[in-house]
Amino acid sequence: MYRRYMELALEEARTAFAKGEVPVGAVIVKGDRVLSRAHNLIETLGDATAHAEVLAIGAACRGLGGWRLEGCTMAVTLEPCPMCAGAIVQARLDTVVVGAFDFKAGAAGSVYNIVQDRRLNHRAKVVYGVMQEECSELLKRFFQQKR
């Protein structure tokens, strides 16, 4: 089940790659229904907050008509940063499925663990390493081209 969601997130990441954006994609599902799909648009929009996770959360909230995403799962190709992890907590997402770890700025377990911090009002379940190789390879290819 999680693999299917990650495949959709990878499609979004490939779209970001084609646009010259850091290739991160995110998908939010509730049950079997895809609520939103998004990819990084930071460069395109000139907006530091236009991360795939934040865009997917906004679209899912609009689609459901409210800000609580309880009962929802997000699949994301790269471990969320602190900003995105905070948005995940605020939106009350139940589960976050992570492809590649981010050992420089990850906030879902590698550097920080905001999504499961007991001091906060909500914690999400985290599933790590779904299609990790494919997610990591896309990011490596992107940054090799930039050098």
Protein backbone atom coordinates (compact mmCIF):
# COMPACT_ATOMS: atom_id res chain seq x y z
CA MET A 1 0.00 0.00 0.00
CA TYR A 2 2.71 2.51 0.96
CA ARG A 3 4.69 1.67 -2.18
CA ARG A 4 1.76 2.74 -4.36
CA TYR A 5 1.62 6.11 -2.60
CA MET A 6 5.38 6.56 -2.93
CA GLU A 7 5.19 5.81 -6.65
CA LEU A 8 2.77 8.74 -6.98
CA ALA A 9 5.08 10.95 -4.92
CA LEU A 10 8.00 9.95 -7.17
CA GLU A 11 5.98 11.01 -10.22
CA GLU A 12 5.66 14.43 -8.59
CA ALA A 13 9.39 14.50 -7.79
CA ARG A 14 10.21 13.74 -11.44
CA THR A 15 7.99 16.65 -12.48
CA ALA A 16 9.95 18.91 -10.11
CA PHE A 17 13.22 17.59 -11.59
CA ALA A 18 12.03 18.47 -15.11
CA LYS A 19 11.28 22.04 -13.92
CA GLY A 20 14.73 22.45 -12.35
CA GLU A 21 13.32 22.20 -8.83
CA VAL A 22 14.84 19.99 -6.15
CA PRO A 23 13.00 16.73 -6.91
CA VAL A 24 10.74 16.21 -3.94
CA GLY A 25 7.18 15.02 -4.30
CA ALA A 26 4.39 14.48 -1.80
CA VAL A 27 1.00 12.80 -1.89
CA ILE A 28 -1.73 12.81 0.75
CA VAL A 29 -4.29 10.03 0.86
CA LYS A 30 -7.27 9.19 3.02
CA GLY A 31 -8.30 5.58 2.74
CA ASP A 32 -7.84 4.81 -0.96
CA ARG A 33 -8.62 8.38 -2.06
CA VAL A 34 -5.77 10.64 -3.20
CA LEU A 35 -6.53 14.06 -1.73
CA SER A 36 -3.55 15.94 -3.12
CA ARG A 37 -0.31 15.64 -5.03
CA ALA A 38 2.44 18.26 -5.09
CA HIS A 39 6.09 18.85 -5.85
CA ASN A 40 8.59 21.52 -4.90
CA LEU A 41 7.90 24.88 -6.54
CA ILE A 42 10.35 27.04 -4.60
CA GLU A 43 12.22 28.36 -7.65
CA THR A 44 9.13 28.56 -9.85
CA LEU A 45 7.15 30.60 -7.34
CA GLY A 46 10.09 32.37 -5.70
CA ASP A 47 8.66 31.23 -2.37
CA ALA A 48 10.79 29.57 0.32
CA THR A 49 7.69 27.88 1.74
CA ALA A 50 6.68 26.19 -1.53
CA HIS A 51 7.89 22.76 -0.43
CA ALA A 52 6.00 19.73 -1.73
CA GLU A 53 4.71 18.84 1.73
CA VAL A 54 3.33 22.32 2.48
CA LEU A 55 1.68 22.55 -0.95
CA ALA A 56 0.15 19.07 -0.56
CA ILE A 57 -1.16 19.91 2.91
CA GLY A 58 -2.76 23.12 1.65
CA ALA A 59 -4.43 21.35 -1.28
CA ALA A 60 -5.70 18.50 0.92
CA CYS A 61 -7.14 20.96 3.45
CA ARG A 62 -8.91 22.88 0.70
CA GLY A 63 -10.25 19.62 -0.76
CA LEU A 64 -11.63 18.45 2.59
CA GLY A 65 -12.87 21.90 3.59
CA GLY A 66 -10.93 22.04 6.84
CA TRP A 67 -7.44 22.11 8.31
CA ARG A 68 -7.45 18.79 10.17
CA LEU A 69 -6.02 15.91 8.16
CA GLU A 70 -6.74 13.24 10.75
CA GLY A 71 -6.96 9.80 9.17
CA CYS A 72 -4.64 10.87 6.35
CA THR A 73 -1.26 9.59 5.22
CA MET A 74 1.45 11.58 3.47
CA ALA A 75 4.05 9.89 1.29
CA VAL A 76 7.06 12.10 0.63
CA THR A 77 10.21 11.27 -1.32
CA LEU A 78 12.59 13.09 1.06
CA GLU A 79 12.37 13.30 4.83
CA PRO A 80 10.58 16.54 5.77
CA CYS A 81 12.56 19.58 6.91
CA PRO A 82 11.67 21.35 10.19
CA MET A 83 9.17 23.68 8.48
CA CYS A 84 7.36 20.80 6.78
CA ALA A 85 7.49 18.64 9.90
CA GLY A 86 5.84 21.48 11.80
CA ALA A 87 3.13 21.72 9.16
CA ILE A 88 2.57 17.95 9.41
CA VAL A 89 2.07 18.25 13.18
CA GLN A 90 -0.24 21.26 12.82
CA ALA A 91 -2.35 19.50 10.17
CA ARG A 92 -2.70 16.40 12.40
CA LEU A 93 -1.57 13.94 9.72
CA ASP A 94 -1.68 10.38 11.08
CA THR A 95 1.17 8.82 9.11
CA VAL A 96 4.19 10.04 7.16
CA VAL A 97 5.83 7.64 4.72
CA VAL A 98 9.43 8.71 3.97
CA GLY A 99 11.48 7.65 0.97
CA ALA A 100 15.01 9.03 1.40
CA PHE A 101 16.50 10.24 4.67
CA ASP A 102 17.84 13.79 4.92
CA PHE A 103 20.86 13.55 7.20
CA LYS A 104 21.50 17.31 6.91
CA ALA A 105 18.10 18.76 7.75
CA GLY A 106 15.59 15.95 8.27
CA ALA A 107 12.99 16.50 10.98
CA ALA A 108 11.24 13.14 11.00
CA GLY A 109 13.91 11.18 12.80
CA SER A 110 17.38 11.68 11.33
CA VAL A 111 18.52 15.10 12.61
CA TYR A 112 15.39 16.17 14.50
CA ASN A 113 12.16 14.35 15.22
CA ILE A 114 9.54 17.07 15.25
CA VAL A 115 6.77 14.81 13.94
CA GLN A 116 7.06 12.56 17.02
CA ASP A 117 8.13 15.06 19.68
CA ARG A 118 6.14 14.25 22.82
CA ARG A 119 6.19 17.91 23.87
CA LEU A 120 3.92 18.80 20.95
CA ASN A 121 0.17 18.37 20.77
CA HIS A 122 0.23 15.75 17.99
CA ARG A 123 2.55 12.98 16.83
CA ALA A 124 2.53 11.15 13.51
CA LYS A 125 3.53 7.59 12.86
CA VAL A 126 6.56 7.47 10.53
CA VAL A 127 7.37 4.69 8.07
CA TYR A 128 10.91 4.95 6.74
CA GLY A 129 12.70 3.79 3.62
CA VAL A 130 9.82 3.09 1.22
CA MET A 131 11.44 3.08 -2.25
CA GLN A 132 14.48 4.67 -0.62
CA GLU A 133 16.86 3.75 -3.43
CA GLU A 134 14.69 5.28 -6.17
CA CYS A 135 14.09 8.45 -4.15
CA SER A 136 17.78 8.85 -3.29
CA GLU A 137 18.92 8.20 -6.85
CA LEU A 138 16.69 10.95 -8.26
CA LEU A 139 18.08 13.45 -5.76
CA LYS A 140 21.69 12.39 -6.50
CA ARG A 141 21.14 12.79 -10.25
CA PHE A 142 19.67 16.25 -9.75
CA PHE A 143 22.57 17.53 -7.65
CA GLN A 144 25.18 15.95 -9.93
CA GLN A 145 23.69 17.92 -12.82
CA LYS A 146 23.85 21.12 -10.79
CA ARG A 147 27.60 20.75 -10.11
